[in-house]
PDB file of N, CA and C in Angstrom:
ATOM      1  N   MET A   1      93.323-157.120 104.421  1.00  0.00           N
ATOM      2  CA  MET A   1      94.164-157.488 105.667  1.00  0.00           C
ATOM      3  C   MET A   1      93.297-157.935 106.737  1.00  0.00           C
ATOM      4  N   ALA A   2      93.468-159.167 107.097  1.00  0.00           N
ATOM      5  CA  ALA A   2      92.940-159.488 108.496  1.00  0.00           C
ATOM      6  C   ALA A   2      93.346-158.530 109.666  1.00  0.00           C
ATOM      7  N   ARG A   3      93.291-158.552 110.659  1.00  0.00           N
ATOM      8  CA  ARG A   3      93.762-157.869 111.835  1.00  0.00           C
ATOM      9  C   ARG A   3      94.832-158.684 112.543  1.00  0.00           C
ATOM     10  N   TYR A   4      95.904-158.576 112.257  1.00  0.00           N
ATOM     11  CA  TYR A   4      96.595-159.528 113.166  1.00  0.00           C
ATOM     12  C   TYR A   4      97.355-158.930 114.510  1.00  0.00           C
ATOM     13  N   THR A   5      97.931-159.626 115.772  1.00  0.00           N
ATOM     14  CA  THR A   5      98.563-159.041 116.636  1.00  0.00           C
ATOM     15  C   THR A   5      99.838-158.813 116.332  1.00  0.00           C
ATOM     16  N   LYS A   6     100.552-158.242 117.092  1.00  0.00           N
ATOM     17  CA  LYS A   6     102.223-157.847 116.404  1.00  0.00           C
ATOM     18  C   LYS A   6     102.615-159.599 116.787  1.00  0.00           C
ATOM     19  N   LYS A   7     102.303-160.253 117.539  1.00  0.00           N
ATOM     20  CA  LYS A   7     102.867-161.822 118.030  1.00  0.00           C
ATOM     21  C   LYS A   7     102.435-162.272 116.408  1.00  0.00           C
ATOM     22  N   GLU A   8     101.199-161.917 116.137  1.00  0.00           N
ATOM     23  CA  GLU A   8     100.884-163.229 114.641  1.00  0.00           C
ATOM     24  C   GLU A   8     101.842-162.693 113.952  1.00  0.00           C
ATOM     25  N   LEU A   9     102.245-160.567 113.482  1.00  0.00           N
ATOM     26  CA  LEU A   9     102.998-160.643 112.709  1.00  0.00           C
ATOM     27  C   LEU A   9     104.237-160.954 112.801  1.00  0.00           C
ATOM     28  N   ASN A  10     104.878-161.149 113.681  1.00  0.00           N
ATOM     29  CA  ASN A  10     106.359-161.638 114.041  1.00  0.00           C
ATOM     30  C   ASN A  10     106.362-163.049 113.529  1.00  0.00           C
ATOM     31  N   HIS A  11     105.256-163.707 113.597  1.00  0.00           N
ATOM     32  CA  HIS A  11     105.337-164.959 113.218  1.00  0.00           C
ATOM     33  C   HIS A  11     105.462-165.404 111.922  1.00  0.00           C
ATOM     34  N   LEU A  12     104.686-164.912 111.465  1.00  0.00           N
ATOM     35  CA  LEU A  12     104.494-164.479 110.611  1.00  0.00           C
ATOM     36  C   LEU A  12     105.424-163.857 109.111  1.00  0.00           C
ATOM     37  N   GLN A  13     106.488-163.184 109.847  1.00  0.00           N
ATOM     38  CA  GLN A  13     107.681-162.684 109.268  1.00  0.00           C
ATOM     39  C   GLN A  13     108.540-164.047 109.430  1.00  0.00           C
ATOM     40  N   SER A  14     109.022-164.148 110.397  1.00  0.00           N
ATOM     41  CA  SER A  14     109.948-165.594 110.873  1.00  0.00           C
ATOM     42  C   SER A  14     109.365-166.387 109.564  1.00  0.00           C
ATOM     43  N   GLU A  15     108.348-166.957 109.567  1.00  0.00           N
ATOM     44  CA  GLU A  15     107.774-168.300 108.381  1.00  0.00           C
ATOM     45  C   GLU A  15     107.815-167.870 107.378  1.00  0.00           C
ATOM     46  N   LEU A  16     107.833-166.405 106.647  1.00  0.00           N
ATOM     47  CA  LEU A  16     108.473-166.166 105.403  1.00  0.00           C
ATOM     48  C   LEU A  16     109.740-165.715 105.006  1.00  0.00           C
ATOM     49  N   GLU A  17     110.784-165.626 105.925  1.00  0.00           N
ATOM     50  CA  GLU A  17     111.840-165.578 105.851  1.00  0.00           C
ATOM     51  C   GLU A  17     112.396-166.655 105.853  1.00  0.00           C
ATOM     52  N   GLU A  18     111.793-167.952 106.796  1.00  0.00           N
ATOM     53  CA  GLU A  18     112.354-169.321 106.099  1.00  0.00           C
ATOM     54  C   GLU A  18     111.605-169.573 105.286  1.00  0.00           C
ATOM     55  N   ILE A  19     110.701-169.229 104.389  1.00  0.00           N
ATOM     56  CA  ILE A  19     110.401-169.688 103.311  1.00  0.00           C
ATOM     57  C   ILE A  19     111.694-169.549 102.038  1.00  0.00           C
ATOM     58  N   LEU A  20     111.720-168.108 102.109  1.00  0.00           N
ATOM     59  CA  LEU A  20     112.841-167.468 101.052  1.00  0.00           C
ATOM     60  C   LEU A  20     113.900-168.237 101.225  1.00  0.00           C
ATOM     61  N   GLU A  21     114.008-168.379 102.971  1.00  0.00           N
ATOM     62  CA  GLU A  21     115.563-168.821 102.898  1.00  0.00           C
ATOM     63  C   GLU A  21     115.482-170.397 102.235  1.00  0.00           C
ATOM     64  N   ARG A  22     114.562-171.243 102.255  1.00  0.00           N
ATOM     65  CA  ARG A  22     114.425-172.220 101.657  1.00  0.00           C
ATOM     66  C   ARG A  22     114.834-172.196 100.267  1.00  0.00           C
ATOM     67  N   LYS A  23     114.155-171.101  99.801  1.00  0.00           N
ATOM     68  CA  LYS A  23     114.165-171.149  98.291  1.00  0.00           C
ATOM     69  C   LYS A  23     115.302-170.329  97.953  1.00  0.00           C
ATOM     70  N   GLY A  24     116.919-170.399  98.946  1.00  0.00           N
ATOM     71  CA  GLY A  24     118.264-169.860  98.583  1.00  0.00           C
ATOM     72  C   GLY A  24     118.040-168.227  98.875  1.00  0.00           C
ATOM     73  N   TYR A  25     117.332-167.603  99.409  1.00  0.00           N
ATOM     74  CA  TYR A  25     117.735-166.165  99.405  1.00  0.00           C
ATOM     75  C   TYR A  25     118.410-166.394 100.779  1.00  0.00           C
ATOM     76  N   LEU A  26     119.388-165.359 101.003  1.00  0.00           N
ATOM     77  CA  LEU A  26     119.609-164.754 102.282  1.00  0.00           C
ATOM     78  C   LEU A  26     118.980-163.567 102.871  1.00  0.00           C
ATOM     79  N   VAL A  27     118.257-163.738 103.687  1.00  0.00           N
ATOM     80  CA  VAL A  27     117.514-162.622 104.323  1.00  0.00           C
ATOM     81  C   VAL A  27     118.193-161.668 105.602  1.00  0.00           C
ATOM     82  N   TYR A  28     118.264-160.455 105.056  1.00  0.00           N
ATOM     83  CA  TYR A  28     118.803-159.519 105.823  1.00  0.00           C
ATOM     84  C   TYR A  28     118.119-158.539 106.540  1.00  0.00           C
ATOM     85  N   SER A  29     117.775-158.103 107.782  1.00  0.00           N
ATOM     86  CA  SER A  29     117.631-156.787 108.248  1.00  0.00           C
ATOM     87  C   SER A  29     118.610-155.756 108.611  1.00  0.00           C
ATOM     88  N   GLY A  30     118.076-154.549 108.267  1.00  0.00           N
ATOM     89  CA  GLY A  30     119.296-153.969 108.572  1.00  0.00           C
ATOM     90  C   GLY A  30     118.739-152.312 108.723  1.00  0.00           C
ATOM     91  N   LYS A  31     119.203-151.442 109.658  1.00  0.00           N
ATOM     92  CA  LYS A  31     118.861-150.284 109.716  1.00  0.00           C
ATOM     93  C   LYS A  31     119.175-148.999 108.531  1.00  0.00           C
ATOM     94  N   GLY A  32     118.593-148.230 108.232  1.00  0.00           N
ATOM     95  CA  GLY A  32     119.255-146.990 107.226  1.00  0.00           C
ATOM     96  C   GLY A  32     117.653-146.255 106.815  1.00  0.00           C
ATOM     97  N   LYS A  33     118.405-145.793 105.759  1.00  0.00           N
ATOM     98  CA  LYS A  33     117.221-144.800 105.588  1.00  0.00           C
ATOM     99  C   LYS A  33     117.178-145.571 103.672  1.00  0.00           C
ATOM    100  N   PHE A  34     116.660-146.579 103.607  1.00  0.00           N
ATOM    101  CA  PHE A  34     116.401-147.160 102.100  1.00  0.00           C
ATOM    102  C   PHE A  34     114.984-147.902 102.167  1.00  0.00           C
ATOM    103  N   GLN A  35     114.985-147.836 100.850  1.00  0.00           N
ATOM    104  CA  GLN A  35     113.741-149.383 100.518  1.00  0.00           C
ATOM    105  C   GLN A  35     114.168-150.630 100.632  1.00  0.00           C
ATOM    106  N   PRO A  36     113.390-151.082 101.094  1.00  0.00           N
ATOM    107  CA  PRO A  36     113.279-153.226 100.595  1.00  0.00           C
ATOM    108  C   PRO A  36     113.523-153.294  99.263  1.00  0.00           C
ATOM    109  N   GLY A  37     114.163-154.576  99.150  1.00  0.00           N
ATOM    110  CA  GLY A  37     114.174-154.901  98.141  1.00  0.00           C
ATOM    111  C   GLY A  37     115.146-156.463  97.896  1.00  0.00           C
ATOM    112  N   GLN A  38     114.932-156.919  96.564  1.00  0.00           N
ATOM    113  CA  GLN A  38     115.530-158.270  96.421  1.00  0.00           C
ATOM    114  C   GLN A  38     116.602-157.832  95.626  1.00  0.00           C
ATOM    115  N   CYS A  39     117.877-158.393  95.070  1.00  0.00           N
ATOM    116  CA  CYS A  39     118.645-158.226  94.504  1.00  0.00           C
ATOM    117  C   CYS A  39     119.944-159.823  94.282  1.00  0.00           C
ATOM    118  N   ILE A  40     120.468-159.810  93.550  1.00  0.00           N
ATOM    119  CA  ILE A  40     121.761-160.986  93.344  1.00  0.00           C
ATOM    120  C   ILE A  40     123.486-160.373  93.148  1.00  0.00           C
ATOM    121  N   VAL A  41     123.473-160.497  94.466  1.00  0.00           N
ATOM    122  CA  VAL A  41     124.744-160.098  94.582  1.00  0.00           C
ATOM    123  C   VAL A  41     126.087-161.735  94.352  1.00  0.00           C
ATOM    124  N   HIS A  42     126.783-161.203  93.924  1.00  0.00           N
ATOM    125  CA  HIS A  42     127.945-162.370  93.490  1.00  0.00           C
ATOM    126  C   HIS A  42     127.201-163.791  93.179  1.00  0.00           C
ATOM    127  N   GLN A  43     126.250-163.995  92.737  1.00  0.00           N
ATOM    128  CA  GLN A  43     125.557-164.964  92.388  1.00  0.00           C
ATOM    129  C   GLN A  43     124.719-165.950  93.639  1.00  0.00           C
ATOM    130  N   ASN A  44     124.258-164.970  95.299  1.00  0.00           N
ATOM    131  CA  ASN A  44     123.259-165.341  95.944  1.00  0.00           C
ATOM    132  C   ASN A  44     122.129-164.087  95.878  1.00  0.00           C
ATOM    133  N   LYS A  45     121.404-165.074  96.193  1.00  0.00           N
ATOM    134  CA  LYS A  45     119.867-163.917  95.916  1.00  0.00           C
ATOM    135  C   LYS A  45     119.602-163.513  97.412  1.00  0.00           C
ATOM    136  N   ARG A  46     119.545-162.258  97.470  1.00  0.00           N
ATOM    137  CA  ARG A  46     119.140-161.756  98.767  1.00  0.00           C
ATOM    138  C   ARG A  46     118.377-160.761  98.951  1.00  0.00           C
ATOM    139  N   ILE A  47     117.600-160.686 100.323  1.00  0.00           N
ATOM    140  CA  ILE A  47     116.605-159.920 100.702  1.00  0.00           C
ATOM    141  C   ILE A  47     117.012-158.398 101.742  1.00  0.00           C
ATOM    142  N   VAL A  48     117.032-157.362 100.693  1.00  0.00           N
ATOM    143  CA  VAL A  48     117.073-156.722 102.319  1.00  0.00           C
ATOM    144  C   VAL A  48     115.670-155.764 102.781  1.00  0.00           C
ATOM    145  N   ILE A  49     115.626-156.053 104.103  1.00  0.00           N
ATOM    146  CA  ILE A  49     114.281-155.712 104.645  1.00  0.00           C
ATOM    147  C   ILE A  49     114.888-154.002 106.209  1.00  0.00           C
ATOM    148  N   ASN A  50     114.232-153.211 105.716  1.00  0.00           N
ATOM    149  CA  ASN A  50     114.435-151.974 107.236  1.00  0.00           C
ATOM    150  C   ASN A  50     114.092-152.543 108.048  1.00  0.00           C
ATOM    151  N   LYS A  51     114.964-152.877 109.483  1.00  0.00           N
ATOM    152  CA  LYS A  51     114.263-153.294 110.454  1.00  0.00           C
ATOM    153  C   LYS A  51     113.494-152.101 111.059  1.00  0.00           C
ATOM    154  N   TYR A  52     113.582-150.943 110.582  1.00  0.00           N
ATOM    155  CA  TYR A  52     112.801-150.066 111.700  1.00  0.00           C
ATOM    156  C   TYR A  52     111.342-149.672 111.109  1.00  0.00           C
ATOM    157  N   ALA A  53     111.672-150.341 109.440  1.00  0.00           N
ATOM    158  CA  ALA A  53     110.195-150.129 108.895  1.00  0.00           C
ATOM    159  C   ALA A  53     108.721-150.574 109.904  1.00  0.00           C
ATOM    160  N   PRO A  54     107.303-149.966 109.669  1.00  0.00           N
ATOM    161  CA  PRO A  54     106.225-150.827 110.323  1.00  0.00           C
ATOM    162  C   PRO A  54     106.598-152.540 109.784  1.00  0.00           C
ATOM    163  N   LEU A  55     106.111-153.075 111.436  1.00  0.00           N
ATOM    164  CA  LEU A  55     106.045-154.359 111.212  1.00  0.00           C
ATOM    165  C   LEU A  55     104.607-154.655 110.449  1.00  0.00           C
ATOM    166  N   LYS A  56     104.035-154.612 109.472  1.00  0.00           N
ATOM    167  CA  LYS A  56     103.142-154.360 108.767  1.00  0.00           C
ATOM    168  C   LYS A  56     103.779-154.166 106.975  1.00  0.00           C
ATOM    169  N   HIS A  57     104.504-153.199 106.965  1.00  0.00           N
ATOM    170  CA  HIS A  57     104.800-153.707 106.098  1.00  0.00           C
ATOM    171  C   HIS A  57     106.079-154.081 105.850  1.00  0.00           C
ATOM    172  N   ARG A  58     106.926-154.666 106.514  1.00  0.00           N
ATOM    173  CA  ARG A  58     107.946-155.418 106.286  1.00  0.00           C
ATOM    174  C   ARG A  58     107.334-157.043 106.104  1.00  0.00           C
ATOM    175  N   VAL A  59     106.395-157.234 106.977  1.00  0.00           N
ATOM    176  CA  VAL A  59     105.426-158.791 106.226  1.00  0.00           C
ATOM    177  C   VAL A  59     104.777-158.771 105.098  1.00  0.00           C
ATOM    178  N   ASN A  60     104.508-157.330 105.033  1.00  0.00           N
ATOM    179  CA  ASN A  60     103.647-157.619 103.345  1.00  0.00           C
ATOM    180  C   ASN A  60     104.587-157.320 102.446  1.00  0.00           C
ATOM    181  N   PHE A  61     106.168-156.499 102.493  1.00  0.00           N
ATOM    182  CA  PHE A  61     107.295-157.175 101.255  1.00  0.00           C
ATOM    183  C   PHE A  61     107.484-158.335 101.289  1.00  0.00           C
ATOM    184  N   LEU A  62     107.568-159.111 102.326  1.00  0.00           N
ATOM    185  CA  LEU A  62     108.194-160.450 101.894  1.00  0.00           C
ATOM    186  C   LEU A  62     106.889-161.461 101.682  1.00  0.00           C
ATOM    187  N   VAL A  63     105.453-160.842 101.861  1.00  0.00           N
ATOM    188  CA  VAL A  63     104.365-161.166 101.334  1.00  0.00           C
ATOM    189  C   VAL A  63     103.869-161.800  99.961  1.00  0.00           C
ATOM    190  N   GLU A  64     104.908-160.363  99.428  1.00  0.00           N
ATOM    191  CA  GLU A  64     104.595-160.015  97.701  1.00  0.00           C
ATOM    192  C   GLU A  64     105.793-160.780  97.378  1.00  0.00           C
ATOM    193  N   ILE A  65     106.899-160.756  97.989  1.00  0.00           N
ATOM    194  CA  ILE A  65     108.021-162.113  97.212  1.00  0.00           C
ATOM    195  C   ILE A  65     107.724-163.322  96.985  1.00  0.00           C
ATOM    196  N   VAL A  66     106.665-164.052  98.376  1.00  0.00           N
ATOM    197  CA  VAL A  66     106.545-165.130  98.229  1.00  0.00           C
ATOM    198  C   VAL A  66     105.783-165.529  97.448  1.00  0.00           C
ATOM    199  N   LYS A  67     104.380-164.470  97.010  1.00  0.00           N
ATOM    200  CA  LYS A  67     103.545-164.868  96.399  1.00  0.00           C
ATOM    201  C   LYS A  67     104.332-164.920  94.739  1.00  0.00           C
ATOM    202  N   ASP A  68     105.620-164.110  94.377  1.00  0.00           N
ATOM    203  CA  ASP A  68     105.623-163.820  93.044  1.00  0.00           C
ATOM    204  C   ASP A  68     106.194-165.555  92.911  1.00  0.00           C
ATOM    205  N   LEU A  69     106.946-165.388  93.624  1.00  0.00           N
ATOM    206  CA  LEU A  69     107.879-167.123  93.736  1.00  0.00           C
ATOM    207  C   LEU A  69     106.781-168.311  93.504  1.00  0.00           C
ATOM    208  N   ASP A  70     105.720-168.099  94.501  1.00  0.00           N
ATOM    209  CA  ASP A  70     104.732-169.068  93.762  1.00  0.00           C
ATOM    210  C   ASP A  70     104.124-169.086  92.683  1.00  0.00           C
ATOM    211  N   GLN A  71     104.212-168.035  92.269  1.00  0.00           N
ATOM    212  CA  GLN A  71     103.383-168.277  90.939  1.00  0.00           C
ATOM    213  C   GLN A  71     104.501-168.915  89.961  1.00  0.00           C
ATOM    214  N   ASN A  72     105.381-168.550  90.466  1.00  0.00           N
ATOM    215  CA  ASN A  72     106.767-169.064  89.190  1.00  0.00           C
ATOM    216  C   ASN A  72     107.178-170.494  89.774  1.00  0.00           C
ATOM    217  N   THR A  73     107.245-170.957  91.120  1.00  0.00           N
ATOM    218  CA  THR A  73     107.913-172.443  90.836  1.00  0.00           C
ATOM    219  C   THR A  73     106.559-172.420  91.817  1.00  0.00           C
ATOM    220  N   THR A  74     106.907-173.907  92.500  1.00  0.00           N
ATOM    221  CA  THR A  74     106.041-174.940  92.925  1.00  0.00           C
ATOM    222  C   THR A  74     106.702-174.999  94.317  1.00  0.00           C
ATOM    223  N   PHE A  75     106.317-174.525  95.658  1.00  0.00           N
ATOM    224  CA  PHE A  75     107.230-174.979  96.765  1.00  0.00           C
ATOM    225  C   PHE A  75     106.165-175.512  97.996  1.00  0.00           C
ATOM    226  N   TYR A  76     106.930-175.725  98.835  1.00  0.00           N
ATOM    227  CA  TYR A  76     105.278-176.195  99.851  1.00  0.00           C
ATOM    228  C   TYR A  76     105.547-175.634 100.782  1.00  0.00           C
ATOM    229  N   ILE A  77     104.479-174.931 101.161  1.00  0.00           N
ATOM    230  CA  ILE A  77     104.132-173.771 102.300  1.00  0.00           C
ATOM    231  C   ILE A  77     103.112-174.123 103.145  1.00  0.00           C
ATOM    232  N   LYS A  78     103.311-173.949 104.293  1.00  0.00           N
ATOM    233  CA  LYS A  78     102.730-174.874 105.201  1.00  0.00           C
ATOM    234  C   LYS A  78     101.221-174.278 105.087  1.00  0.00           C
ATOM    235  N   PRO A  79     100.107-174.845 105.198  1.00  0.00           N
ATOM    236  CA  PRO A  79      98.186-174.252 104.701  1.00  0.00           C
ATOM    237  C   PRO A  79      97.745-173.146 105.574  1.00  0.00           C
ATOM    238  N   ALA A  80      98.095-173.011 106.766  1.00  0.00           N
ATOM    239  CA  ALA A  80      97.870-171.818 107.666  1.00  0.00           C
ATOM    240  C   ALA A  80      98.909-170.547 107.196  1.00  0.00           C
ATOM    241  N   ILE A  81      99.949-170.818 106.718  1.00  0.00           N
ATOM    242  CA  ILE A  81     100.520-169.761 105.847  1.00  0.00           C
ATOM    243  C   ILE A  81     100.280-169.447 104.764  1.00  0.00           C
ATOM    244  N   ARG A  82      99.865-170.797 104.227  1.00  0.00           N
ATOM    245  CA  ARG A  82      99.307-170.379 102.623  1.00  0.00           C
ATOM    246  C   ARG A  82      98.281-169.193 102.492  1.00  0.00           C
ATOM    247  N   GLU A  83      97.080-169.656 103.219  1.00  0.00           N
ATOM    248  CA  GLU A  83      96.192-168.808 103.820  1.00  0.00           C
ATOM    249  C   GLU A  83      96.341-167.689 104.228  1.00  0.00           C
ATOM    250  N   LYS A  84      96.896-167.495 104.927  1.00  0.00           N
ATOM    251  CA  LYS A  84      97.306-165.886 105.323  1.00  0.00           C
ATOM    252  C   LYS A  84      97.726-165.438 103.786  1.00  0.00           C
ATOM    253  N   ILE A  85      98.925-165.945 103.632  1.00  0.00           N
ATOM    254  CA  ILE A  85     100.013-165.380 102.138  1.00  0.00           C
ATOM    255  C   ILE A  85      98.300-164.903 100.915  1.00  0.00           C
ATOM    256  N   GLU A  86      97.689-165.682 100.605  1.00  0.00           N
ATOM    257  CA  GLU A  86      96.540-165.755  99.789  1.00  0.00           C
ATOM    258  C   GLU A  86      95.499-164.774 100.165  1.00  0.00           C
ATOM    259  N   ASN A  87      95.197-164.484 101.763  1.00  0.00           N
ATOM    260  CA  ASN A  87      93.966-163.661 101.866  1.00  0.00           C
ATOM    261  C   ASN A  87      94.684-162.259 102.736  1.00  0.00           C
ATOM    262  N   TRP A  88      95.708-162.446 102.312  1.00  0.00           N
ATOM    263  CA  TRP A  88      96.775-161.030 102.646  1.00  0.00           C
ATOM    264  C   TRP A  88      96.726-159.434 101.582  1.00  0.00           C
ATOM    265  N   SER A  89      96.245-158.827 102.181  1.00  0.00           N
ATOM    266  CA  SER A  89      96.043-157.521 101.695  1.00  0.00           C
ATOM    267  C   SER A  89      96.367-155.977 101.874  1.00  0.00           C
ATOM    268  N   VAL A  90      97.077-155.161 101.573  1.00  0.00           N
ATOM    269  CA  VAL A  90      97.148-154.206 102.675  1.00  0.00           C
ATOM    270  C   VAL A  90      96.046-153.359 102.526  1.00  0.00           C
TER     271      VAL A  90
END
């Protein structure tokens, strides 16, 4: 993974959340001792993120979901964000 500043990671997280919301997911940030994940509740797709997890871990989780969605369907992602997603690795 390229080294990103906290500001860049926050921006990337916001962009990823926006992409997921456009794809019909409700993205929640909550506190507690739980693993992040995605699920379907009452036919609504939801993603839960532990807001106290390290920022890099939250972004990594969202990148993996977007990568998985991108393999299954085609949708628009800003070129700069797509490049970050494609080059992302932990």
